[in-house]
Amino acid sequence: MTGRLRNWFRSRPLRSRLALLTAVAVAVAVAAVSLACWFLTRAQLEHELDSSLRNTSLNPDSVQSLLRDCRLGTTPPPVGGSYTVQVVLANGFVCTSGKAAIPAGAGELAVARGQLEYVLHTVKDDDGREMRVYTYADPTGLSAVSIARPLSEIDNSMSTLGWVLLLVSGIGVVGAGAAGLWVARTGLEPVNRLTDAVEHVTATEDLAVRIPVEGEDEIARLSRSFNAMTAALATSRDRQAQLIADAGHELRTPLTSLRTNVELLARSEETGRAIPPDDRRALMASVKAQMTELAALIGDLQELARPDAVQPGPLGVVPLHTILRTALDRARLRGPELTFVTDLAPWYVRAESPALERALVNVLDNAVKFSPPRGTVEVVLMRGELTVRDHGPGIPPDELPHVFDRFWRSPSARSLPGSGLGLSIVARTVQQAGGTVSLAPAEGGGTVATLRLPGAPTPPPEL
């Protein structure tokens, strides 16, 4: 039964559950207050009844007159007004002035015999009514006098009070339920707007939807979070679309050239006209170069397609100076006529070795690409700061903010090989290692690239 009730409750709308919980909470509170009020009122009335009985006493003449009438066999007249008065002798003789006799118990006999000073208790008279009885010793010391009043006086008042409390409690619970439903509807209105916005985005994929934010409460925070999420999703989608467009544009050039060269080779085979050996070698070299450029571009796209929040591989403490020497060897092969001046101090970082080597190769390739013939490339690694300087034409100040953007290429460098992704990969890899990278004009001409990577504990030497 409990499980069915729980399932039924969970199947209700949120506003209905809030209204029901509010009504139940108010009902419990009202019931607790009503019960406390009822019991406190009854206790107070009983206390006042007991005080009234204690403060009521008969004079000895009335007691003697009552006894005389009982012994003569005549009905004694009422002597206590609304009270029932009863005289109990030590031998057990009982004389009653009232509607019905009250059984004289051991307490009354003990008071009549002088063993107790008084007795106060509740008994039923011969008519079955509950009576509150106060018995005290007569000043003459010959009998005990019992004064009683029916508890129906309290019961009637408590019954009336109970019905009043029940009516007020019912009105309070109904009012609380209505108020809870109104509060739930009002309080959940922002949630309804948020739900409508989410459903709209789901149905239309329109990420430009924004929810009005009012106040500083939890609902306002939720609305701000939703707006920030949709803005981030819209930015991500725009960047994805831009990446696809840029990638398509960059892929079109090598693919077009590759297609042209392949078509020339195929036409030569189909027509039987041999291509001169020198032209054929040049054609094959062009095909190989275009395939190499295409493979490099695809590799760069795969590198950038990975989410920023996901590490590309397991990080470990690696020697930056050693990886830099390997990257320098590869750079010397690409610029054999250049002079590399190096000053490398040992430095260990926490990074992924292949990704870090790729980033360093990209930085050095950038210096090789823009260096003049027989120029010099200066590479210095000191205390976690790596500087790579070339003596090329440099980068105009207005182009510096864009050098790390994907597919961005300087107008003066668009005739050179490359996809415009190298520095983007460098920035991504360095940021994942906790470092920073920047490009700036060098004194005397050229460009200097600066990478700062935080150090890591030096690994112990291998035995």
Protein backbone atom coordinates (compact mmCIF):
# COMPACT_ATOMS: atom_id res chain seq x y z
CA MET A 1 0.00 0.00 0.00
CA THR A 2 2.84 2.36 0.88
CA GLY A 3 4.56 1.64 -2.45
CA ARG A 4 1.37 2.34 -4.42
CA LEU A 5 0.86 5.59 -2.56
CA ARG A 6 4.46 6.62 -3.22
CA ASN A 7 4.15 5.80 -6.92
CA TRP A 8 0.87 7.70 -7.13
CA PHE A 9 2.44 10.71 -5.43
CA ARG A 10 5.44 10.68 -7.77
CA SER A 11 3.18 10.52 -10.80
CA ARG A 12 1.46 13.79 -9.89
CA PRO A 13 2.60 17.12 -11.41
CA LEU A 14 5.10 19.08 -9.34
CA ARG A 15 2.64 21.86 -8.51
CA SER A 16 0.10 19.30 -7.29
CA ARG A 17 2.72 17.64 -5.12
CA LEU A 18 3.74 20.99 -3.63
CA ALA A 19 0.12 21.92 -2.91
CA LEU A 20 -0.53 18.50 -1.36
CA LEU A 21 2.60 18.68 0.77
CA THR A 22 1.64 22.17 1.92
CA ALA A 23 -1.87 21.03 2.83
CA VAL A 24 -0.54 17.97 4.69
CA ALA A 25 2.03 20.06 6.57
CA VAL A 26 -0.64 22.61 7.58
CA ALA A 27 -3.04 19.80 8.51
CA VAL A 28 -0.43 18.21 10.78
CA ALA A 29 0.39 21.58 12.36
CA VAL A 30 -3.28 22.49 12.84
CA ALA A 31 -4.06 19.04 14.25
CA ALA A 32 -1.17 19.32 16.72
CA VAL A 33 -2.25 22.82 17.81
CA SER A 34 -5.90 21.78 18.06
CA LEU A 35 -5.10 18.71 20.17
CA ALA A 36 -2.82 20.75 22.40
CA CYS A 37 -5.53 23.40 22.77
CA TRP A 38 -8.18 20.76 23.52
CA PHE A 39 -6.13 18.99 26.19
CA LEU A 40 -4.93 22.23 27.79
CA THR A 41 -8.50 23.57 27.92
CA ARG A 42 -9.81 20.35 29.47
CA ALA A 43 -7.02 20.35 32.03
CA GLN A 44 -7.79 23.97 32.90
CA LEU A 45 -11.51 23.29 33.23
CA GLU A 46 -10.86 20.25 35.44
CA HIS A 47 -8.51 22.36 37.57
CA GLU A 48 -11.18 25.03 37.93
CA LEU A 49 -13.77 22.37 38.80
CA ASP A 50 -11.50 20.93 41.47
CA SER A 51 -10.87 24.40 42.86
CA SER A 52 -14.61 25.05 42.95
CA LEU A 53 -15.20 21.80 44.86
CA ARG A 54 -12.44 22.58 47.37
CA ASN A 55 -13.82 26.04 48.01
CA THR A 56 -17.33 24.69 48.68
CA SER A 57 -18.17 23.52 52.19
CA LEU A 58 -21.31 23.03 54.25
CA ASN A 59 -21.86 24.42 57.73
CA PRO A 60 -22.30 21.84 60.51
CA ASP A 61 -26.00 22.67 60.96
CA SER A 62 -26.74 21.73 57.34
CA VAL A 63 -24.84 18.47 57.78
CA GLN A 64 -26.78 17.60 60.94
CA SER A 65 -30.10 18.51 59.29
CA LEU A 66 -29.25 16.25 56.34
CA LEU A 67 -28.42 13.35 58.65
CA ARG A 68 -31.58 13.87 60.68
CA ASP A 69 -33.78 13.72 57.58
CA CYS A 70 -32.04 10.54 56.38
CA ARG A 71 -32.51 8.82 59.76
CA LEU A 72 -36.20 9.80 59.86
CA GLY A 73 -36.66 8.29 56.38
CA THR A 74 -37.69 11.56 54.74
CA THR A 75 -36.18 12.83 51.55
CA PRO A 76 -33.70 15.53 52.40
CA PRO A 77 -34.04 18.80 50.52
CA PRO A 78 -31.19 19.89 48.24
CA VAL A 79 -28.62 21.71 50.29
CA GLY A 80 -25.84 22.26 47.74
CA GLY A 81 -27.56 23.99 44.85
CA SER A 82 -26.08 22.48 41.66
CA TYR A 83 -23.85 20.22 43.76
CA THR A 84 -24.59 16.72 44.95
CA VAL A 85 -23.92 16.55 48.68
CA GLN A 86 -23.42 13.30 50.55
CA VAL A 87 -22.60 12.61 54.17
CA VAL A 88 -20.69 9.44 54.98
CA LEU A 89 -20.46 8.14 58.55
CA ALA A 90 -17.63 6.03 59.87
CA ASN A 91 -19.91 2.97 60.06
CA GLY A 92 -20.64 3.24 56.32
CA PHE A 93 -24.03 4.97 56.56
CA VAL A 94 -24.53 7.29 53.55
CA CYS A 95 -26.99 10.17 53.30
CA THR A 96 -27.34 11.84 49.89
CA SER A 97 -28.86 15.19 48.89
CA GLY A 98 -29.11 15.23 45.11
CA LYS A 99 -30.29 13.29 42.11
CA ALA A 100 -28.48 10.01 42.65
CA ALA A 101 -26.32 8.50 45.32
CA ILE A 102 -22.58 8.27 44.86
CA PRO A 103 -20.94 5.01 45.93
CA ALA A 104 -18.90 5.58 49.05
CA GLY A 105 -15.53 4.00 48.52
CA ALA A 106 -12.61 3.28 50.76
CA GLY A 107 -11.41 6.86 50.42
CA GLU A 108 -14.60 8.34 51.80
CA LEU A 109 -14.65 5.83 54.70
CA ALA A 110 -11.02 6.66 55.47
CA VAL A 111 -11.86 10.37 55.65
CA ALA A 112 -14.92 9.66 57.86
CA ARG A 113 -12.75 7.64 60.24
CA GLY A 114 -10.12 10.40 60.39
CA GLN A 115 -7.48 8.42 58.48
CA LEU A 116 -7.28 10.91 55.56
CA GLU A 117 -7.71 14.64 55.44
CA TYR A 118 -9.54 14.66 52.08
CA VAL A 119 -10.09 12.65 48.89
CA LEU A 120 -10.55 14.02 45.34
CA HIS A 121 -11.42 11.56 42.57
CA THR A 122 -13.85 10.68 39.79
CA VAL A 123 -16.59 8.05 40.20
CA LYS A 124 -19.93 7.17 38.66
CA ASP A 125 -23.16 7.76 40.55
CA ASP A 126 -26.11 5.39 40.58
CA ASP A 127 -27.43 6.94 37.34
CA GLY A 128 -24.16 6.17 35.55
CA ARG A 129 -22.97 9.75 35.37
CA GLU A 130 -19.30 10.53 35.89
CA MET A 131 -18.94 12.75 38.94
CA ARG A 132 -15.99 14.65 40.28
CA VAL A 133 -16.11 14.09 44.06
CA TYR A 134 -14.33 16.02 46.80
CA THR A 135 -14.63 14.47 50.26
CA TYR A 136 -13.43 16.26 53.41
CA ALA A 137 -13.79 15.66 57.13
CA ASP A 138 -16.68 17.37 58.87
CA PRO A 139 -15.49 19.89 61.49
CA THR A 140 -17.37 17.91 64.15
CA GLY A 141 -15.19 14.90 63.37
CA LEU A 142 -18.22 12.61 63.26
CA SER A 143 -18.60 12.21 59.47
CA ALA A 144 -17.18 12.93 56.02
CA VAL A 145 -18.86 15.31 53.59
CA SER A 146 -18.67 14.59 49.85
CA ILE A 147 -19.40 17.37 47.36
CA ALA A 148 -19.74 16.30 43.73
CA ARG A 149 -20.40 17.86 40.34
CA PRO A 150 -21.00 16.03 37.08
CA LEU A 151 -18.17 15.98 34.54
CA SER A 152 -20.78 16.43 31.81
CA GLU A 153 -20.40 20.17 32.37
CA ILE A 154 -16.81 19.88 31.11
CA ASP A 155 -17.65 17.25 28.48
CA ASN A 156 -20.32 19.45 26.90
CA SER A 157 -17.97 22.42 26.72
CA MET A 158 -15.16 20.24 25.35
CA SER A 159 -17.49 18.73 22.76
CA THR A 160 -18.45 22.19 21.55
CA LEU A 161 -14.80 23.23 21.52
CA GLY A 162 -13.87 20.07 19.59
CA TRP A 163 -16.41 20.79 16.86
CA VAL A 164 -15.22 24.40 16.62
CA LEU A 165 -11.58 23.30 16.35
CA LEU A 166 -12.48 20.68 13.75
CA LEU A 167 -14.34 23.26 11.67
CA VAL A 168 -11.55 25.81 11.94
CA SER A 169 -8.94 23.14 11.15
CA GLY A 170 -10.86 22.02 8.07
CA ILE A 171 -11.14 25.60 6.82
CA GLY A 172 -7.44 26.11 7.53
CA VAL A 173 -6.41 22.96 5.66
CA VAL A 174 -8.55 23.82 2.64
CA GLY A 175 -7.24 27.36 2.66
CA ALA A 176 -3.68 26.10 3.02
CA GLY A 177 -4.16 23.73 0.07
CA ALA A 178 -5.53 26.56 -2.07
CA ALA A 179 -2.70 28.85 -0.97
CA GLY A 180 -0.16 26.09 -1.61
CA LEU A 181 -1.52 25.57 -5.11
CA TRP A 182 -1.37 29.31 -5.78
CA VAL A 183 2.18 29.53 -4.41
CA ALA A 184 3.22 26.48 -6.43
CA ARG A 185 1.82 27.96 -9.63
CA THR A 186 3.42 31.33 -8.97
CA GLY A 187 6.74 29.91 -7.83
CA LEU A 188 6.96 27.43 -10.68
CA GLU A 189 6.11 29.93 -13.38
CA PRO A 190 9.84 30.53 -14.14
CA VAL A 191 10.29 26.77 -14.30
CA ASN A 192 7.41 26.61 -16.78
CA ARG A 193 9.12 29.27 -18.88
CA LEU A 194 12.34 27.29 -18.69
CA THR A 195 10.50 24.12 -19.71
CA ASP A 196 8.88 25.91 -22.64
CA ALA A 197 12.27 27.23 -23.71
CA VAL A 198 13.86 23.78 -23.52
CA GLU A 199 11.00 22.25 -25.50
CA HIS A 200 11.31 25.05 -28.06
CA VAL A 201 15.05 24.43 -28.42
CA THR A 202 14.44 20.70 -28.71
CA ALA A 203 11.83 21.14 -31.40
CA THR A 204 13.47 23.93 -33.42
CA GLU A 205 17.17 23.75 -32.42
CA ASP A 206 16.99 27.52 -32.02
CA LEU A 207 19.81 28.33 -29.60
CA ALA A 208 19.07 32.05 -29.66
CA VAL A 209 16.30 31.60 -27.06
CA ARG A 210 16.94 33.44 -23.79
CA ILE A 211 14.92 33.37 -20.57
CA PRO A 212 14.29 36.69 -18.77
CA VAL A 213 16.14 36.73 -15.45
CA GLU A 214 14.53 38.39 -12.43
CA GLY A 215 15.98 38.51 -8.92
CA GLU A 216 18.80 36.57 -7.34
CA ASP A 217 17.07 33.40 -6.18
CA GLU A 218 17.64 29.79 -7.27
CA ILE A 219 15.27 30.14 -10.21
CA ALA A 220 17.20 33.17 -11.42
CA ARG A 221 20.44 31.21 -11.12
CA LEU A 222 18.89 28.36 -13.09
CA SER A 223 17.75 30.79 -15.78
CA ARG A 224 21.22 32.33 -16.00
CA SER A 225 22.76 28.88 -16.24
CA PHE A 226 20.35 27.94 -19.04
CA ASN A 227 21.10 31.16 -20.92
CA ALA A 228 24.83 30.57 -20.51
CA MET A 229 24.43 26.98 -21.69
CA THR A 230 22.49 27.94 -24.82
CA ALA A 231 24.99 30.70 -25.57
CA ALA A 232 27.86 28.23 -25.20
CA LEU A 233 26.06 25.70 -27.41
CA ALA A 234 25.38 28.37 -30.02
CA THR A 235 29.02 29.42 -29.96
CA SER A 236 30.13 25.81 -30.20
CA ARG A 237 27.81 25.18 -33.14
CA ASP A 238 29.02 28.33 -34.89
CA ARG A 239 32.62 27.32 -34.32
CA GLN A 240 31.85 23.83 -35.61
CA ALA A 241 30.21 25.24 -38.72
CA GLN A 242 33.12 27.62 -39.21
CA LEU A 243 35.60 24.78 -38.74
CA ILE A 244 33.80 22.66 -41.33
CA ALA A 245 33.68 25.57 -43.78
CA ASP A 246 37.35 26.43 -43.23
CA ALA A 247 38.39 22.79 -43.42
CA GLY A 248 36.44 22.38 -46.67
CA HIS A 249 38.14 25.46 -48.07
CA GLU A 250 41.60 24.27 -47.07
CA LEU A 251 40.98 20.74 -48.31
CA ARG A 252 39.72 21.97 -51.65
CA THR A 253 43.10 23.35 -52.77
CA PRO A 254 45.24 20.18 -52.36
CA LEU A 255 42.38 18.00 -53.58
CA THR A 256 41.93 20.12 -56.70
CA SER A 257 45.64 20.05 -57.45
CA LEU A 258 45.80 16.33 -56.72
CA ARG A 259 42.81 15.67 -58.96
CA THR A 260 44.36 17.67 -61.79
CA ASN A 261 47.64 15.77 -61.59
CA VAL A 262 45.90 12.40 -61.43
CA GLU A 263 43.73 13.31 -64.41
CA LEU A 264 46.86 14.20 -66.40
CA LEU A 265 48.40 10.84 -65.53
CA ALA A 266 45.17 9.01 -66.40
CA ARG A 267 44.79 10.85 -69.71
CA SER A 268 48.38 9.96 -70.57
CA GLU A 269 47.61 6.31 -69.96
CA GLU A 270 44.33 6.43 -71.90
CA THR A 271 45.70 8.23 -74.96
CA GLY A 272 49.04 6.46 -75.00
CA ARG A 273 50.92 9.75 -75.09
CA ALA A 274 53.84 9.47 -72.75
CA ILE A 275 54.62 12.40 -70.52
CA PRO A 276 58.24 13.57 -70.81
CA PRO A 277 60.36 12.12 -68.00
CA ASP A 278 61.15 15.50 -66.43
CA ASP A 279 57.49 16.51 -66.51
CA ARG A 280 56.47 13.15 -65.13
CA ARG A 281 58.92 13.45 -62.23
CA ALA A 282 57.67 16.95 -61.52
CA LEU A 283 54.11 15.71 -61.70
CA MET A 284 54.78 12.84 -59.30
CA ALA A 285 56.63 15.16 -56.95
CA SER A 286 53.60 17.47 -56.98
CA VAL A 287 51.26 14.56 -56.27
CA LYS A 288 53.46 13.44 -53.38
CA ALA A 289 53.63 16.97 -51.99
CA GLN A 290 49.87 17.41 -52.21
CA MET A 291 49.27 14.05 -50.50
CA THR A 292 51.72 15.01 -47.75
CA GLU A 293 49.97 18.36 -47.27
CA LEU A 294 46.57 16.64 -47.27
CA ALA A 295 47.70 14.08 -44.67
CA ALA A 296 49.15 16.84 -42.48
CA LEU A 297 45.94 18.85 -42.73
CA ILE A 298 43.82 15.83 -41.79
CA GLY A 299 46.12 15.13 -38.83
CA ASP A 300 45.78 18.74 -37.67
CA LEU A 301 42.00 18.55 -37.97
CA GLN A 302 41.92 15.35 -35.92
CA GLU A 303 44.06 17.01 -33.26
CA LEU A 304 41.76 20.02 -33.05
CA ALA A 305 38.57 17.92 -33.16
CA ARG A 306 39.21 16.49 -29.71
CA PRO A 307 37.28 18.25 -26.90
CA ASP A 308 39.30 20.76 -24.89
CA ALA A 309 38.12 19.22 -21.61
CA VAL A 310 39.52 15.81 -22.56
CA GLN A 311 43.22 15.25 -22.16
CA PRO A 312 44.78 13.86 -25.36
CA GLY A 313 46.64 11.14 -23.52
CA PRO A 314 48.22 10.20 -20.21
CA LEU A 315 50.25 13.04 -18.73
CA GLY A 316 53.61 12.39 -17.24
CA VAL A 317 56.79 14.17 -16.25
CA VAL A 318 58.84 14.56 -19.45
CA PRO A 319 62.15 16.37 -20.19
CA LEU A 320 61.30 19.44 -22.22
CA HIS A 321 64.94 19.95 -23.25
CA THR A 322 65.19 16.43 -24.69
CA ILE A 323 61.94 16.75 -26.65
CA LEU A 324 63.12 20.14 -27.91
CA ARG A 325 66.35 18.63 -29.23
CA THR A 326 64.33 16.03 -31.17
CA ALA A 327 62.14 18.80 -32.61
CA LEU A 328 65.26 20.77 -33.56
CA ASP A 329 66.61 17.79 -35.49
CA ARG A 330 63.40 17.68 -37.51
CA ALA A 331 63.49 21.44 -38.07
CA ARG A 332 67.08 21.30 -39.35
CA LEU A 333 66.00 18.82 -42.01
CA ARG A 334 63.33 21.27 -43.19
CA GLY A 335 65.72 24.23 -43.22
CA PRO A 336 69.16 22.81 -44.00
CA GLU A 337 70.52 26.21 -45.07
CA LEU A 338 69.54 27.86 -41.78
CA THR A 339 71.72 28.23 -38.70
CA PHE A 340 70.20 27.20 -35.37
CA VAL A 341 71.70 28.84 -32.29
CA THR A 342 70.56 26.98 -29.19
CA ASP A 343 70.93 27.34 -25.42
CA LEU A 344 68.94 24.64 -23.66
CA ALA A 345 68.85 24.27 -19.89
CA PRO A 346 67.26 21.14 -18.40
CA TRP A 347 63.57 21.55 -17.56
CA TYR A 348 60.89 18.97 -16.77
CA VAL A 349 57.19 19.48 -17.38
CA ARG A 350 54.00 17.48 -16.97
CA ALA A 351 52.59 16.87 -20.44
CA GLU A 352 52.00 14.28 -23.14
CA SER A 353 55.28 13.76 -24.94
CA PRO A 354 54.01 13.25 -28.56
CA ALA A 355 51.64 16.23 -28.36
CA LEU A 356 54.35 18.45 -26.86
CA GLU A 357 56.84 17.41 -29.56
CA ARG A 358 54.27 18.20 -32.27
CA ALA A 359 53.69 21.65 -30.78
CA LEU A 360 57.44 22.37 -30.62
CA VAL A 361 57.88 21.21 -34.22
CA ASN A 362 55.08 23.58 -35.29
CA VAL A 363 56.77 26.52 -33.56
CA LEU A 364 60.13 25.72 -35.14
CA ASP A 365 58.53 25.11 -38.56
CA ASN A 366 56.93 28.54 -38.31
CA ALA A 367 60.39 30.07 -37.69
CA VAL A 368 61.93 28.06 -40.55
CA LYS A 369 59.16 29.06 -42.93
CA PHE A 370 59.58 32.80 -42.37
CA SER A 371 63.37 32.92 -42.00
CA PRO A 372 65.32 34.40 -44.93
CA PRO A 373 67.77 32.16 -46.85
CA ARG A 374 70.86 31.35 -44.77
CA GLY A 375 69.20 33.05 -41.85
CA THR A 376 69.50 32.30 -38.15
CA VAL A 377 66.96 30.82 -35.73
CA GLU A 378 67.68 31.38 -32.04
CA VAL A 379 66.26 28.86 -29.56
CA VAL A 380 66.68 29.46 -25.82
CA LEU A 381 65.22 27.36 -22.98
CA MET A 382 65.80 28.79 -19.52
CA ARG A 383 63.79 28.08 -16.35
CA GLY A 384 60.69 26.93 -18.17
CA GLU A 385 60.65 29.78 -20.70
CA LEU A 386 61.28 28.78 -24.29
CA THR A 387 61.91 31.51 -26.88
CA VAL A 388 62.18 30.86 -30.61
CA ARG A 389 63.24 33.85 -32.68
CA ASP A 390 63.54 34.19 -36.42
CA HIS A 391 64.86 37.09 -38.47
CA GLY A 392 62.12 37.14 -41.04
CA PRO A 393 59.73 39.93 -42.04
CA GLY A 394 57.85 39.78 -38.75
CA ILE A 395 54.12 39.99 -38.07
CA PRO A 396 52.23 43.30 -38.30
CA PRO A 397 50.76 44.40 -34.94
CA ASP A 398 47.18 44.29 -36.26
CA GLU A 399 47.60 40.59 -37.15
CA LEU A 400 49.00 39.44 -33.79
CA PRO A 401 45.56 38.91 -32.13
CA HIS A 402 44.64 36.39 -34.86
CA VAL A 403 47.77 34.25 -35.10
CA PHE A 404 46.34 31.49 -32.86
CA ASP A 405 42.94 31.34 -34.61
CA ARG A 406 42.14 28.20 -36.55
CA PHE A 407 42.83 28.44 -40.30
CA TRP A 408 43.94 32.04 -39.99
CA ARG A 409 46.88 32.87 -42.22
CA SER A 410 48.61 36.17 -42.78
CA PRO A 411 47.97 37.60 -46.24
CA SER A 412 51.72 37.65 -46.82
CA ALA A 413 51.99 33.93 -45.96
CA ARG A 414 49.14 32.50 -48.00
CA SER A 415 51.52 31.63 -50.81
CA LEU A 416 53.56 29.50 -48.43
CA PRO A 417 52.67 25.87 -47.56
CA GLY A 418 50.57 25.31 -44.49
CA SER A 419 46.99 25.04 -43.28
CA GLY A 420 46.81 27.74 -40.64
CA LEU A 421 46.31 25.17 -37.86
CA GLY A 422 49.86 24.84 -36.54
CA LEU A 423 49.77 27.69 -34.01
CA SER A 424 46.25 26.69 -32.92
CA ILE A 425 47.61 23.25 -32.03
CA VAL A 426 50.54 24.88 -30.21
CA ALA A 427 48.20 27.05 -28.12
CA ARG A 428 45.97 24.08 -27.31
CA THR A 429 48.83 21.80 -26.27
CA VAL A 430 50.52 24.46 -24.14
CA GLN A 431 47.26 25.31 -22.37
CA GLN A 432 46.65 21.63 -21.61
CA ALA A 433 50.10 21.52 -20.01
CA GLY A 434 49.20 24.54 -17.86
CA GLY A 435 51.38 27.02 -19.75
CA THR A 436 51.04 30.07 -21.98
CA VAL A 437 52.23 30.95 -25.47
CA SER A 438 52.58 34.29 -27.24
CA LEU A 439 54.06 35.83 -30.38
CA ALA A 440 55.57 39.31 -30.52
CA PRO A 441 57.78 41.38 -32.82
CA ALA A 442 61.48 40.97 -32.06
CA GLU A 443 63.91 43.84 -31.68
CA GLY A 444 65.79 44.38 -34.92
CA GLY A 445 63.15 42.54 -37.00
CA GLY A 446 61.63 39.14 -37.03
CA THR A 447 59.27 37.39 -34.62
CA VAL A 448 59.82 35.81 -31.23
CA ALA A 449 57.57 33.01 -29.95
CA THR A 450 57.54 32.58 -26.16
CA LEU A 451 56.31 29.43 -24.42
CA ARG A 452 56.11 29.29 -20.62
CA LEU A 453 55.52 25.87 -19.09
CA PRO A 454 55.30 25.18 -15.32
CA GLY A 455 57.96 22.85 -14.00
CA ALA A 456 57.42 19.38 -12.59
CA PRO A 457 59.43 17.37 -10.03
CA THR A 458 62.61 15.97 -11.59
CA PRO A 459 62.29 12.18 -11.97
CA PRO A 460 64.92 10.09 -10.19
CA PRO A 461 67.80 8.82 -12.36
CA GLU A 462 67.42 5.35 -13.79
CA LEU A 463 69.59 2.66 -12.20
